[in-house]
Structure formats: structure tokens, C-alpha cells
Amino acid sequence: MRYKILAVLFAFSACTTAFAQHNYSIPVDNWTYDVIQQLQNRGYLLDLSPGFKPYRRMEVAEALQNLEKKTDISKLPQADRWLIKKLDREFSYEKQLLDGEKQNPDTSFSGARFAEEAFFNFVKGDYKTFKYSDKLNFRPTLRTEFGFDVGNHISLYTDATIDQTLLDDTLYTGSTKFGLDALHQQAYIQYFDRYVDLTFGRDYLSWGYGNNGTVLISPTAGALDMASVFLKTSVVKYNWFVAQLNPMPEFTPDTNSYMPFPTVGQPDPMANRYFTGSRFEFNIANKVFLGAYQAATFGGPNAPIDLEIINPLRVTYETENNSGKDLNAFLGGDISIFWPRNFNFYGDLMIDDWQVDRKTKGDLKPNLYAIDAGIRVSNILESFGISGTDANLQYMMVRNRVYNEYNWASFEKLLLRNYPVANPYGDDFWNLDLRLSHWLTYDWKFGIEMMHLEHGSSNLYGPYTMPWLTDPNITVQTGYNEPFPYGTIQITNLFKASVMYQPRQDFYGQATIIYTQNHNYEYSAGVDKGVVSFIFTIYYNFAKSILFR
């Protein structure tokens, strides 16, 4: 089919400009992200920004072509060649489009892509974040995707997903009909050229470099309903967005003791909720990536989008402190260093609230911030003639009340559809995570993970406690300190082992077994529990692309 398409391409002696056709977002659960990250750690594909996701199909294809121009692939370590070959096969159609563009760059074409993805999951135990199955169950996920290109610069894209893993999801708030859970994860229209992406609709967004979630924006909660602007050069990239979060009550049942005005006996009004932010990323010689960002949640009953808050040229902290706007502001910066070869260090600091003065009891509020830091090392056995072995060690810490908000403004919590936006654990936790993986052959990959997690019970889903204000024994003179994590602490030690067989780009099978030992299980003091979990996944992807004038 691909050769027929290519024949049609040259029969018309034309093709699209670069980034024209098939520039659709790659779903964040796609296997290609893991492969791209491993190649970036080896020093390849760094013209794909490591701090902005999702990637788009045409930009990955162009990055592969740039790599092939600059590098003699045959001289690379064997596992590196395997990884490049996997991406070459996945994006071969897009690479053909780029090759055709060089023949005649001035002709406009339209095209379409249809794909059907299937994840056939057999699961038991705590097999994914938020998901628990007490016995072995079959949980398929079926995703139908359709994209349509209008000329060289406009794309429309949508998907429909039936996800039966949501049947086990304790946080899922959607409806179930006929025993099926369905949702749209992507539905957007986009204008794009080499330097600008304009997106309107539902699409994924992720900032930063961490694994399993970052300290501000991750795809943990799914895609955002947003308007987004993405400006791109080889040195500087910039993203601005404003998103509508799902409405939720302005007041929560636990708020009355802290409310500035009573609401007892009155219904809780529903509040409109919004999330906005902007981030710069500076690329220094494809070795050092520096990021700086700001964001804020805001809203209220019947509240419209506030143009002052979403203004990308304003500093959200200044807007919050000096204009009287009711919002929850975030400010941060990150860094990722790819040097020397096969080595990557990354770190991120995000500030939610930082107290400067200590003049009143309100100033005793603890500083609210989150950090992550990690090291990735590739081909660690290269000196023994063995390639394909990777290691990743990461520390993440999020203080209590980060992403949270005072009870009378609980709608400003950084939640989307009841899920944390930043990372799967929300706030009030720290963890240390070690991951090792090895490509034994082109087809087979083995991996293990060991993690220590301490998570306090006073987290993002709980009330916003303020003991520095409510305890009469606490004064400015005595000061206030609290333990971290806060409340009853659930301590989890996890061991995970997995094996994946991937002979083709459109098929793989993966088996994973997980053992967790939990102390104070589900925040019940003194309760210890070990859990054995299992997930076996068969993945298949059927895709057809059409090019027409």
C-alpha cells in the first residue's frame, strides 16, 4: 500500500511542504515515546524538544531524516540501530511524504489517516495507577482514530476510545453504558507550519523531563480542552495555552469551619474552572535545555475566562498579589543536560506558594513546592561490548497542599476529571524510583523497577487544613513546623519486572508482574498488606493513509 501511495505521489509530481501531512499528535501511551527517550539519552533526536510533548508524526519523521543525514547508522552500537529501525518502520509513510516534498515543494495536497488501536489486557491487582482488580479480568482498550488534512497547513483529528480498564478505576467519574466506558481523548483542529502550531480542541500536553509524571503538567489526567499556541525555532520554543477544566462545587462539605461566610444548609454552587500557563525552553547546542514556566488555576460560579489572568505577557504571581485576582499561581524552572554521551541529568523546581514575611499567623503557612531530579544512563555495559542496557534513577518530592487550595476556593485545585494533572500521586509524598531495562535482541526487551514511596493522608483529595491558624497554641513567636509527609503515612516498596516482545512496529506483547509491600495500607494505621499484581497486554495497530489532491 505504501508503494502505491508513493507512486501516486510522484505521478502528480508534487507533495506537501514539510510538516504538512500527517502532523497528528502521537497518543501519550504510544510505545514510541520510550524509544525516543532512549535515543535522546544516547544523543540522537534532540531536535525533538525533550520538554514539550506530545510529539507529532511529521516532526518525528523529520528528526529521523536529520539523524540519517548526520550519522553513519551502520557504525552505531547494535541496540541503537535496533531503536532507530523501529522508528523508521513506524514513520516510514511520513518520511516518504518528506522525500516527495523535495521533488516539488509548491503543490498543495490533502490527505487522511485512519487507525484502529487495540490493547487486550489481562489484569489482576494494582495493575495501573488508580486501577485495582481483585481477580484476573479481561480489560480491552479499543481506540479508533481519524485525521484529515486540509491542504498543507490545517488538520482535523479525533478519536473514540472504549476503555474497559476504567471499570476498575476508583477515580473515574464518567458514565458506563451497556457495560462499556467510552471517552474522547483527542478532538482538535490545528493550523501549523514550520514555526507555529495553533491548536483548538482536546489534545495532550506535557511539560518537563520526569518519568511517570512531572511536577506541573503531565498526561496523567488525560487530554486538555484548550486553545494552544506553540512557537518553534531551533534555539527557543514557547508554548501558551488556556484550558477549561471540568466544573465542580465551589464549596466542599468540610469548609464551614474556615469559611469567611456560612453556607450551612445551602447547596454548593457549581464553579467554572480554568487552567492557563506558558513555558519557554532554550536549546543550547542540543546539549543543555533550560525551561522556565508559569501557570494558574482560576474560576468561580458562572465565571468567564479572565483575559488579565491568561495574558501570556503577565506574571501570574504579580497578577495574584497586586490585582486582587482569585487564582492559584505556579512558577518554576527546569533543566536537562545531555552530556557526556549516553548520560542525561534533569531537574525541576516548581513553587506553589513561598512565604517571605513572618509577621502574622497567616505568614506561618509552610512553603509549598515540588521538585524532581533524575539521572539516565544508556549503554551502561558498553565497555563489555554489550549495548542496549539503560538505567534511570529519579527522586520526586511534592509538599503537602501543593496544587491544593483553601476550602472556600477548592475549585482551584489542580484536578481534571478527578485526576491529578501533575503526577499520579498528587501531593504530600516523596519517592525514589530506579528503573533498569535491556534490549536482548531487536524483538525482546526486559525491564525491572524498584520504588520506595511515602505518601501522607493529608493529600490533594482531602480538606485544606490550616493548623497554624486554628491552633490557639501556635503564635508568631512559637512558629509552626509540621512533619512531612503529613498525617498517616502509607509506605510502599514496589518491585516490578516486565518482558516485551515486539517483532513489528504495529504489534507487541508485554507481561508485567508487580509486588508491593504496604505499611499503613490505604492510610489505616498499623495495617500491613502485600499485593501481587499482574498485567499481560497484546497491542495491535492497524493504520491506513490516503493522499489525494
Protein backbone atom coordinates (compact mmCIF):
# COMPACT_ATOMS: atom_id res chain seq x y z
CA MET A 1 0.00 0.00 0.00
CA ARG A 2 2.83 2.39 0.84
CA TYR A 3 4.48 1.86 -2.56
CA LYS A 4 1.18 2.58 -4.32
CA ILE A 5 0.86 5.80 -2.37
CA LEU A 6 4.40 6.78 -3.28
CA ALA A 7 3.67 6.07 -6.95
CA VAL A 8 0.66 8.36 -6.83
CA LEU A 9 2.80 10.94 -5.09
CA PHE A 10 5.31 11.16 -7.91
CA ALA A 11 2.72 10.69 -10.65
CA PHE A 12 1.38 14.07 -9.69
CA SER A 13 5.00 15.32 -9.37
CA ALA A 14 4.12 17.04 -6.13
CA CYS A 15 3.84 16.75 -2.44
CA THR A 16 3.27 18.83 0.64
CA THR A 17 5.61 21.15 2.41
CA ALA A 18 7.42 19.83 5.47
CA PHE A 19 5.14 19.30 8.45
CA ALA A 20 2.16 19.39 6.08
CA GLN A 21 0.57 15.96 6.02
CA HIS A 22 0.10 13.57 8.90
CA ASN A 23 1.24 16.01 11.57
CA TYR A 24 -1.09 14.47 14.14
CA SER A 25 -0.30 14.16 17.85
CA ILE A 26 1.05 10.80 18.93
CA PRO A 27 -1.04 9.46 21.85
CA VAL A 28 0.99 9.60 25.06
CA ASP A 29 0.60 5.86 25.73
CA ASN A 30 2.27 5.02 22.42
CA TRP A 31 5.37 2.82 22.62
CA THR A 32 7.40 5.27 20.51
CA TYR A 33 7.91 7.70 23.42
CA ASP A 34 10.00 5.20 25.35
CA VAL A 35 12.14 4.51 22.27
CA ILE A 36 12.56 8.23 21.50
CA GLN A 37 13.63 8.93 25.08
CA GLN A 38 16.23 6.15 24.94
CA LEU A 39 17.60 7.55 21.68
CA GLN A 40 17.67 11.10 23.06
CA ASN A 41 19.66 9.88 26.03
CA ARG A 42 22.18 8.48 23.53
CA GLY A 43 22.45 11.93 21.95
CA TYR A 44 20.09 11.44 18.97
CA LEU A 45 16.80 13.13 18.00
CA LEU A 46 17.41 16.12 20.27
CA ASP A 47 15.84 18.42 17.70
CA LEU A 48 12.66 16.94 19.19
CA SER A 49 12.21 19.07 22.29
CA PRO A 50 12.54 16.77 25.33
CA GLY A 51 10.49 19.18 27.46
CA PHE A 52 7.37 19.53 25.28
CA LYS A 53 5.03 16.67 24.43
CA PRO A 54 3.13 15.28 22.63
CA TYR A 55 5.30 14.85 19.59
CA ARG A 56 3.70 14.96 16.14
CA ARG A 57 4.21 12.38 13.47
CA MET A 58 5.84 14.61 10.86
CA GLU A 59 8.30 16.19 13.29
CA VAL A 60 9.48 12.74 14.41
CA ALA A 61 9.90 11.73 10.76
CA GLU A 62 11.95 14.85 10.03
CA ALA A 63 14.11 14.27 13.12
CA LEU A 64 14.83 10.75 11.85
CA GLN A 65 15.83 12.10 8.44
CA ASN A 66 18.13 14.66 10.06
CA LEU A 67 19.74 11.89 12.10
CA GLU A 68 20.35 9.77 8.99
CA LYS A 69 21.96 12.74 7.20
CA LYS A 70 24.38 13.48 10.03
CA THR A 71 25.18 9.97 11.24
CA ASP A 72 26.54 6.78 9.76
CA ILE A 73 23.92 4.48 11.28
CA SER A 74 25.93 1.35 10.44
CA LYS A 75 28.68 2.40 12.87
CA LEU A 76 26.36 2.88 15.87
CA PRO A 77 26.07 0.32 18.69
CA GLN A 78 23.78 -2.56 17.77
CA ALA A 79 20.95 -1.67 20.16
CA ASP A 80 20.98 1.94 18.92
CA ARG A 81 20.43 0.65 15.39
CA TRP A 82 17.53 -1.50 16.61
CA LEU A 83 15.82 1.51 18.17
CA ILE A 84 16.27 3.67 15.06
CA LYS A 85 14.97 0.84 12.89
CA LYS A 86 11.81 0.58 15.00
CA LEU A 87 11.05 4.28 14.49
CA ASP A 88 11.94 4.10 10.79
CA ARG A 89 9.32 1.42 10.31
CA GLU A 90 6.67 3.29 12.30
CA PHE A 91 7.16 6.60 10.47
CA SER A 92 8.07 5.31 7.01
CA TYR A 93 4.98 6.84 5.38
CA GLU A 94 5.73 10.29 6.80
CA LYS A 95 9.34 10.03 5.64
CA GLN A 96 8.07 9.27 2.12
CA LEU A 97 5.99 12.45 2.26
CA LEU A 98 9.06 14.45 3.24
CA ASP A 99 11.06 12.92 0.39
CA GLY A 100 8.29 13.82 -2.05
CA GLU A 101 8.25 17.41 -0.83
CA LYS A 102 11.81 17.84 -2.00
CA GLN A 103 10.73 16.95 -5.54
CA ASN A 104 8.15 19.74 -5.74
CA PRO A 105 7.61 21.84 -2.62
CA ASP A 106 4.98 24.19 -4.08
CA THR A 107 1.96 21.91 -4.52
CA SER A 108 -0.85 21.62 -2.00
CA PHE A 109 -2.25 18.18 -1.19
CA SER A 110 -4.89 16.90 1.21
CA GLY A 111 -4.83 13.56 2.96
CA ALA A 112 -6.36 11.38 5.63
CA ARG A 113 -5.32 8.76 8.15
CA PHE A 114 -7.42 6.07 9.77
CA ALA A 115 -6.11 3.94 12.62
CA GLU A 116 -7.52 1.31 14.92
CA GLU A 117 -5.52 0.57 18.05
CA ALA A 118 -6.26 -2.30 20.40
CA PHE A 119 -4.83 -3.09 23.83
CA PHE A 120 -6.01 -6.51 25.04
CA ASN A 121 -5.25 -6.52 28.77
CA PHE A 122 -5.49 -9.40 31.24
CA VAL A 123 -5.13 -7.81 34.68
CA LYS A 124 -5.13 -8.50 38.39
CA GLY A 125 -4.30 -6.42 41.47
CA ASP A 126 -2.93 -2.85 41.45
CA TYR A 127 -2.05 -3.16 37.81
CA LYS A 128 -2.11 0.55 36.94
CA THR A 129 -2.39 3.83 38.79
CA PHE A 130 -5.92 4.15 40.28
CA LYS A 131 -6.90 0.71 38.96
CA TYR A 132 -7.40 -2.40 41.10
CA SER A 133 -8.89 -5.75 40.08
CA ASP A 134 -9.33 -8.35 42.83
CA LYS A 135 -9.30 -11.24 40.34
CA LEU A 136 -7.92 -11.87 36.87
CA ASN A 137 -10.04 -9.89 34.38
CA PHE A 138 -10.02 -9.14 30.68
CA ARG A 139 -9.88 -5.36 30.16
CA PRO A 140 -9.60 -4.34 26.47
CA THR A 141 -8.98 -0.81 25.24
CA LEU A 142 -10.03 -0.01 21.68
CA ARG A 143 -9.19 3.34 20.08
CA THR A 144 -10.48 4.47 16.69
CA GLU A 145 -8.59 7.45 15.23
CA PHE A 146 -9.34 9.57 12.20
CA GLY A 147 -7.35 12.52 10.86
CA PHE A 148 -7.96 14.69 7.83
CA ASP A 149 -5.53 17.20 6.28
CA VAL A 150 -6.94 20.25 4.50
CA GLY A 151 -4.14 21.43 2.25
CA ASN A 152 -0.70 21.94 3.68
CA HIS A 153 -1.40 23.64 6.98
CA ILE A 154 -4.69 22.54 8.54
CA SER A 155 -5.51 19.22 10.20
CA LEU A 156 -8.58 17.86 11.95
CA TYR A 157 -8.22 14.91 14.26
CA THR A 158 -10.50 12.88 16.53
CA ASP A 159 -10.59 9.56 18.32
CA ALA A 160 -13.14 7.46 20.13
CA THR A 161 -11.93 5.13 22.86
CA ILE A 162 -13.62 2.24 24.63
CA ASP A 163 -11.50 1.68 27.74
CA GLN A 164 -12.63 -1.16 29.97
CA THR A 165 -9.76 -0.57 32.43
CA LEU A 166 -11.90 2.32 33.70
CA LEU A 167 -14.25 -0.25 35.23
CA ASP A 168 -11.58 -0.75 37.91
CA ASP A 169 -10.67 2.94 38.24
CA THR A 170 -11.55 4.42 41.63
CA LEU A 171 -11.30 7.99 40.33
CA TYR A 172 -13.32 7.59 37.13
CA THR A 173 -16.40 9.85 37.21
CA GLY A 174 -17.77 9.20 33.71
CA SER A 175 -20.80 7.14 32.86
CA THR A 176 -20.95 3.45 31.96
CA LYS A 177 -23.48 2.26 29.38
CA PHE A 178 -24.05 -1.30 28.22
CA GLY A 179 -21.11 -2.28 30.39
CA LEU A 180 -18.74 -0.08 28.35
CA ASP A 181 -16.73 3.01 29.29
CA ALA A 182 -16.06 5.33 26.35
CA LEU A 183 -14.35 8.70 26.04
CA HIS A 184 -12.71 11.10 23.63
CA GLN A 185 -9.05 11.73 24.38
CA GLN A 186 -8.31 13.81 21.27
CA ALA A 187 -10.55 16.00 19.13
CA TYR A 188 -8.92 19.13 17.71
CA ILE A 189 -8.32 21.37 14.73
CA GLN A 190 -4.81 22.63 14.15
CA TYR A 191 -3.01 25.12 11.96
CA PHE A 192 0.72 24.52 11.62
CA ASP A 193 3.80 25.44 9.67
CA ARG A 194 7.49 25.13 10.43
CA TYR A 195 7.41 27.78 13.16
CA VAL A 196 3.86 27.90 14.54
CA ASP A 197 1.26 25.43 15.84
CA LEU A 198 -2.21 26.71 16.70
CA THR A 199 -4.45 24.08 18.31
CA PHE A 200 -8.07 24.32 19.38
CA GLY A 201 -9.83 21.38 20.98
CA ARG A 202 -8.86 18.37 23.10
CA ASP A 203 -5.23 17.27 22.94
CA TYR A 204 -2.48 16.07 25.25
CA LEU A 205 0.06 18.37 26.89
CA SER A 206 3.14 17.65 28.98
CA TRP A 207 5.91 19.94 30.25
CA GLY A 208 9.22 18.80 31.72
CA TYR A 209 11.55 15.83 31.76
CA GLY A 210 10.45 13.44 34.52
CA ASN A 211 9.10 9.92 34.13
CA ASN A 212 5.67 8.83 35.37
CA GLY A 213 4.52 12.45 35.61
CA THR A 214 6.23 15.79 36.13
CA VAL A 215 5.79 18.50 38.75
CA LEU A 216 3.16 20.55 36.89
CA ILE A 217 1.63 19.28 33.62
CA SER A 218 1.53 15.61 32.66
CA PRO A 219 -0.92 13.45 30.71
CA THR A 220 -1.93 11.68 33.95
CA ALA A 221 -5.45 13.12 33.77
CA GLY A 222 -5.78 12.73 30.00
CA ALA A 223 -6.06 15.44 27.38
CA LEU A 224 -6.95 19.11 27.96
CA ASP A 225 -9.79 21.03 26.31
CA MET A 226 -7.73 24.04 25.29
CA ALA A 227 -6.57 26.70 22.92
CA SER A 228 -2.81 26.50 22.48
CA VAL A 229 -0.05 28.42 20.70
CA PHE A 230 3.32 26.77 20.09
CA LEU A 231 6.19 28.81 18.60
CA LYS A 232 9.25 26.89 17.43
CA THR A 233 12.79 27.73 16.40
CA SER A 234 15.92 25.63 16.67
CA VAL A 235 17.03 27.61 19.75
CA VAL A 236 13.84 28.74 21.50
CA LYS A 237 10.46 27.09 21.85
CA TYR A 238 7.43 28.64 23.54
CA ASN A 239 4.02 27.31 24.47
CA TRP A 240 0.97 29.16 25.79
CA PHE A 241 -2.42 27.61 26.50
CA VAL A 242 -5.71 28.17 28.26
CA ALA A 243 -7.83 25.14 29.13
CA GLN A 244 -11.26 24.58 30.59
CA LEU A 245 -11.32 22.07 33.42
CA ASN A 246 -14.48 20.22 34.40
CA PRO A 247 -16.87 22.20 36.68
CA MET A 248 -17.02 21.29 40.36
CA PRO A 249 -18.68 22.69 43.52
CA GLU A 250 -17.32 25.97 44.81
CA PHE A 251 -17.56 24.76 48.40
CA THR A 252 -16.85 21.34 49.84
CA PRO A 253 -18.59 19.76 52.89
CA ASP A 254 -15.56 20.32 55.12
CA THR A 255 -15.32 24.07 54.52
CA ASN A 256 -17.67 25.58 57.07
CA SER A 257 -15.15 25.99 59.92
CA TYR A 258 -12.87 28.02 57.67
CA MET A 259 -15.41 29.84 55.50
CA PRO A 260 -15.45 33.64 55.66
CA PHE A 261 -19.24 33.36 55.36
CA PRO A 262 -21.58 30.48 56.27
CA THR A 263 -23.09 28.08 53.75
CA VAL A 264 -24.72 25.58 56.11
CA GLY A 265 -27.99 24.36 54.66
CA GLN A 266 -27.35 25.94 51.26
CA PRO A 267 -26.50 24.00 48.09
CA ASP A 268 -22.94 24.24 46.84
CA PRO A 269 -22.91 26.29 43.61
CA MET A 270 -21.06 24.78 40.63
CA ALA A 271 -17.96 26.70 39.60
CA ASN A 272 -16.40 27.08 36.17
CA ARG A 273 -12.73 26.16 36.28
CA TYR A 274 -9.82 27.19 34.04
CA PHE A 275 -6.11 26.42 33.76
CA THR A 276 -3.60 28.57 31.89
CA GLY A 277 0.15 28.67 31.51
CA SER A 278 3.19 29.45 29.38
CA ARG A 279 6.65 27.92 29.09
CA PHE A 280 9.91 28.81 27.34
CA GLU A 281 12.57 26.23 26.53
CA PHE A 282 16.07 27.21 25.39
CA ASN A 283 18.18 24.73 23.44
CA ILE A 284 21.94 25.20 23.84
CA ALA A 285 23.72 23.17 21.15
CA ASN A 286 21.44 20.16 21.64
CA LYS A 287 23.26 19.56 24.92
CA VAL A 288 21.52 21.73 27.51
CA PHE A 289 17.81 22.51 27.68
CA LEU A 290 16.65 25.25 30.05
CA GLY A 291 12.97 25.79 30.78
CA ALA A 292 11.01 28.49 32.62
CA TYR A 293 7.26 28.43 33.12
CA GLN A 294 4.25 29.82 34.93
CA ALA A 295 0.66 28.65 35.28
CA ALA A 296 -2.52 29.28 37.26
CA THR A 297 -5.93 27.81 38.02
CA PHE A 298 -8.90 30.16 38.41
CA GLY A 299 -12.67 30.37 38.04
CA GLY A 300 -15.88 30.58 40.06
CA PRO A 301 -19.65 30.27 39.69
CA ASN A 302 -20.59 31.48 36.19
CA ALA A 303 -17.04 32.83 35.83
CA PRO A 304 -15.85 33.58 32.27
CA ILE A 305 -12.24 33.33 31.12
CA ASP A 306 -10.34 36.26 32.66
CA LEU A 307 -8.27 37.96 29.96
CA GLU A 308 -5.94 39.51 32.52
CA ILE A 309 -5.05 36.15 34.05
CA ILE A 310 -4.48 34.38 30.73
CA ASN A 311 -2.36 37.23 29.33
CA PRO A 312 0.90 35.46 28.40
CA LEU A 313 2.92 38.65 28.93
CA ARG A 314 1.93 38.99 32.57
CA VAL A 315 3.47 37.20 35.54
CA THR A 316 0.76 35.22 37.29
CA TYR A 317 2.25 35.81 40.76
CA GLU A 318 2.13 39.56 40.17
CA THR A 319 -1.46 39.26 38.95
CA GLU A 320 -2.41 37.28 42.04
CA ASN A 321 -0.70 39.57 44.55
CA ASN A 322 -1.33 43.03 43.10
CA SER A 323 -4.57 42.93 41.13
CA GLY A 324 -6.78 41.18 43.65
CA LYS A 325 -7.46 38.26 41.32
CA ASP A 326 -8.52 34.99 42.94
CA LEU A 327 -6.24 32.35 41.44
CA ASN A 328 -3.77 29.62 42.36
CA ALA A 329 -0.45 30.50 40.72
CA PHE A 330 2.57 28.29 39.97
CA LEU A 331 6.09 29.31 38.95
CA GLY A 332 9.03 27.11 38.06
CA GLY A 333 12.10 26.22 36.06
CA ASP A 334 13.76 23.05 34.79
CA ILE A 335 16.96 21.82 33.19
CA SER A 336 18.03 18.79 31.19
CA ILE A 337 21.67 18.13 30.27
CA PHE A 338 22.63 15.56 27.63
CA TRP A 339 26.37 15.32 28.18
CA PRO A 340 28.53 13.31 28.03
CA ARG A 341 27.28 10.72 25.54
CA ASN A 342 24.80 8.22 26.99
CA PHE A 343 24.20 10.44 30.03
CA ASN A 344 21.29 12.72 30.94
CA PHE A 345 20.73 14.73 34.11
CA TYR A 346 17.42 16.55 34.62
CA GLY A 347 15.78 18.53 37.38
CA ASP A 348 12.71 20.67 38.03
CA LEU A 349 11.64 23.07 40.78
CA MET A 350 8.05 24.33 40.93
CA ILE A 351 6.83 26.83 43.55
CA ASP A 352 3.16 26.98 44.51
CA ASP A 353 3.48 29.35 47.47
CA TRP A 354 6.51 30.77 49.28
CA GLN A 355 6.32 32.78 52.49
CA VAL A 356 8.67 35.74 52.78
CA ASP A 357 7.35 37.55 55.86
CA ARG A 358 6.70 36.11 59.31
CA LYS A 359 4.65 38.96 60.79
CA THR A 360 1.22 37.37 61.24
CA LYS A 361 -0.12 33.87 61.92
CA GLY A 362 -1.10 33.66 58.25
CA ASP A 363 2.59 34.04 57.37
CA LEU A 364 3.34 30.76 59.19
CA LYS A 365 1.91 28.79 56.29
CA PRO A 366 4.53 26.22 55.16
CA ASN A 367 6.29 26.81 51.86
CA LEU A 368 4.62 24.87 49.07
CA TYR A 369 6.89 23.50 46.35
CA ALA A 370 7.70 20.39 44.32
CA ILE A 371 10.97 19.08 42.94
CA ASP A 372 12.18 16.19 40.86
CA ALA A 373 15.70 15.23 39.85
CA GLY A 374 16.96 12.29 37.89
CA ILE A 375 19.84 10.64 36.06
CA ARG A 376 19.53 8.47 32.97
CA VAL A 377 22.47 6.38 31.71
CA SER A 378 22.40 4.38 28.48
CA ASN A 379 24.55 1.52 27.23
CA ILE A 380 25.98 1.10 30.71
CA LEU A 381 27.64 -2.20 29.72
CA GLU A 382 29.17 -0.81 26.53
CA SER A 383 32.72 -1.30 27.85
CA PHE A 384 31.96 -5.05 27.89
CA GLY A 385 30.74 -4.99 24.30
CA ILE A 386 27.05 -5.07 25.34
CA SER A 387 24.67 -2.34 24.18
CA GLY A 388 21.03 -1.70 24.98
CA THR A 389 21.18 -1.52 28.79
CA ASP A 390 19.63 1.63 30.32
CA ALA A 391 19.26 2.86 33.90
CA ASN A 392 17.16 5.68 35.38
CA LEU A 393 17.23 6.90 38.98
CA GLN A 394 14.72 9.62 39.93
CA TYR A 395 13.72 11.42 43.12
CA MET A 396 10.45 13.35 43.34
CA MET A 397 9.03 15.28 46.26
CA VAL A 398 5.80 17.29 46.47
CA ARG A 399 4.93 19.08 49.72
CA ASN A 400 1.54 18.93 51.38
CA ARG A 401 -1.09 21.37 49.95
CA VAL A 402 0.72 21.82 46.61
CA TYR A 403 -1.87 22.02 43.78
CA ASN A 404 -4.49 22.34 46.54
CA GLU A 405 -6.38 25.46 47.59
CA TYR A 406 -8.26 26.94 50.53
CA ASN A 407 -11.55 25.16 51.11
CA TRP A 408 -13.67 28.11 50.03
CA ALA A 409 -11.85 28.06 46.67
CA SER A 410 -11.46 24.30 46.35
CA PHE A 411 -12.44 24.53 42.67
CA GLU A 412 -8.93 25.89 42.07
CA LYS A 413 -7.38 22.50 42.88
CA LEU A 414 -5.24 21.22 40.03
CA LEU A 415 -7.52 18.31 39.22
CA LEU A 416 -9.05 17.29 35.90
CA ARG A 417 -11.93 14.81 35.84
CA ASN A 418 -10.95 13.90 39.41
CA TYR A 419 -7.35 13.04 38.41
CA PRO A 420 -4.16 14.93 39.37
CA VAL A 421 -2.80 16.94 36.44
CA ALA A 422 0.82 16.95 37.57
CA ASN A 423 1.67 13.37 38.55
CA PRO A 424 -0.21 10.24 39.63
CA TYR A 425 0.44 10.71 43.36
CA GLY A 426 -0.88 14.27 43.69
CA ASP A 427 0.86 15.91 46.63
CA ASP A 428 2.20 15.19 50.14
CA PHE A 429 4.65 12.47 49.05
CA TRP A 430 8.20 11.64 48.13
CA ASN A 431 9.54 8.68 46.20
CA LEU A 432 12.78 7.23 44.91
CA ASP A 433 12.47 5.24 41.69
CA LEU A 434 15.09 3.03 40.00
CA ARG A 435 14.45 1.55 36.53
CA LEU A 436 16.65 -0.79 34.52
CA SER A 437 15.97 -2.11 31.01
CA HIS A 438 17.83 -4.14 28.41
CA TRP A 439 17.19 -4.91 24.74
CA LEU A 440 18.33 -8.50 24.36
CA THR A 441 17.51 -8.54 20.63
CA TYR A 442 15.55 -6.36 18.23
CA ASP A 443 12.41 -8.17 19.37
CA TRP A 444 12.90 -8.67 23.11
CA LYS A 445 13.17 -6.17 25.94
CA PHE A 446 13.41 -6.86 29.68
CA GLY A 447 12.89 -4.35 32.47
CA ILE A 448 12.75 -4.06 36.25
CA GLU A 449 11.68 -1.23 38.54
CA MET A 450 12.17 -0.70 42.27
CA MET A 451 10.47 2.17 44.06
CA HIS A 452 10.12 3.47 47.61
CA LEU A 453 7.11 5.74 48.15
CA GLU A 454 5.92 7.60 51.25
CA HIS A 455 2.53 9.28 50.85
CA GLY A 456 0.68 11.25 53.53
CA SER A 457 -3.08 11.02 54.07
CA SER A 458 -3.49 14.82 54.01
CA ASN A 459 -3.28 14.97 50.24
CA LEU A 460 -4.92 16.65 47.27
CA TYR A 461 -8.28 14.94 47.80
CA GLY A 462 -8.54 15.90 51.46
CA PRO A 463 -9.52 19.15 53.19
CA TYR A 464 -7.12 22.06 53.19
CA THR A 465 -6.08 22.03 56.85
CA MET A 466 -4.64 25.21 58.42
CA PRO A 467 -3.37 24.33 61.92
CA TRP A 468 -1.15 27.42 62.04
CA LEU A 469 -4.40 29.47 62.13
CA THR A 470 -6.78 27.19 64.03
CA ASP A 471 -4.49 26.07 66.89
CA PRO A 472 -4.51 28.76 69.63
CA ASN A 473 -1.19 27.48 70.98
CA ILE A 474 0.59 28.46 67.77
CA THR A 475 1.79 32.05 67.60
CA VAL A 476 4.19 34.08 65.50
CA GLN A 477 6.66 33.72 68.37
CA THR A 478 6.38 29.92 68.60
CA GLY A 479 6.40 29.48 64.83
CA TYR A 480 4.96 26.46 63.08
CA ASN A 481 6.54 23.30 61.71
CA GLU A 482 4.83 20.14 60.56
CA PRO A 483 6.08 16.69 59.63
CA PHE A 484 6.45 15.64 56.02
CA PRO A 485 4.67 13.71 54.71
CA TYR A 486 1.69 14.88 56.77
CA GLY A 487 -0.93 12.75 58.52
CA THR A 488 -0.94 8.97 58.41
CA ILE A 489 1.84 7.89 56.05
CA GLN A 490 1.40 4.96 53.70
CA ILE A 491 4.82 3.47 52.92
CA THR A 492 5.07 1.38 49.76
CA ASN A 493 8.00 -0.64 48.49
CA LEU A 494 7.47 -1.83 44.91
CA PHE A 495 9.23 -4.33 42.70
CA LYS A 496 8.17 -4.74 39.06
CA ALA A 497 9.52 -6.99 36.32
CA SER A 498 8.41 -6.94 32.69
CA VAL A 499 9.23 -8.54 29.37
CA MET A 500 8.14 -7.24 25.97
CA TYR A 501 8.18 -8.97 22.60
CA GLN A 502 7.92 -6.53 19.65
CA PRO A 503 8.76 -8.08 16.26
CA ARG A 504 6.86 -5.35 14.33
CA GLN A 505 6.02 -1.71 14.79
CA ASP A 506 2.27 -2.48 14.84
CA PHE A 507 2.34 -5.37 17.30
CA TYR A 508 3.79 -6.25 20.68
CA GLY A 509 3.07 -8.43 23.67
CA GLN A 510 4.10 -7.49 27.20
CA ALA A 511 3.85 -9.30 30.54
CA THR A 512 4.40 -7.48 33.84
CA ILE A 513 4.35 -8.75 37.40
CA ILE A 514 4.37 -6.34 40.36
CA TYR A 515 4.79 -6.91 44.09
CA THR A 516 4.14 -4.13 46.59
CA GLN A 517 4.61 -4.27 50.35
CA ASN A 518 2.48 -1.59 52.01
CA HIS A 519 2.66 -0.25 55.57
CA ASN A 520 -0.39 1.68 56.82
CA TYR A 521 -2.24 0.36 53.76
CA GLU A 522 -4.82 2.88 52.50
CA TYR A 523 -3.75 5.16 55.39
CA SER A 524 -5.02 2.75 58.05
CA ALA A 525 -2.51 2.88 60.90
CA GLY A 526 -0.81 -0.44 61.60
CA VAL A 527 -2.29 -2.26 58.62
CA ASP A 528 0.36 -4.05 56.53
CA LYS A 529 -0.50 -5.67 53.20
CA GLY A 530 1.40 -7.24 50.34
CA VAL A 531 -0.17 -7.17 46.88
CA VAL A 532 0.81 -9.23 43.84
CA SER A 533 -0.34 -7.67 40.56
CA PHE A 534 -0.21 -8.91 37.01
CA ILE A 535 -0.89 -7.42 33.59
CA PHE A 536 -0.49 -9.08 30.22
CA THR A 537 -1.03 -6.86 27.18
CA ILE A 538 -1.30 -7.62 23.48
CA TYR A 539 -1.14 -4.49 21.33
CA TYR A 540 -2.09 -4.22 17.68
CA ASN A 541 -2.39 -1.16 15.45
CA PHE A 542 -3.99 -1.07 12.01
CA ALA A 543 -3.41 2.18 10.08
CA LYS A 544 -4.25 3.34 6.56
CA SER A 545 -3.17 6.62 4.99
CA ILE A 546 -4.61 8.25 1.88
CA LEU A 547 -3.14 11.08 -0.14
CA PHE A 548 -5.24 12.98 -2.66
CA ARG A 549 -5.20 16.30 -4.42
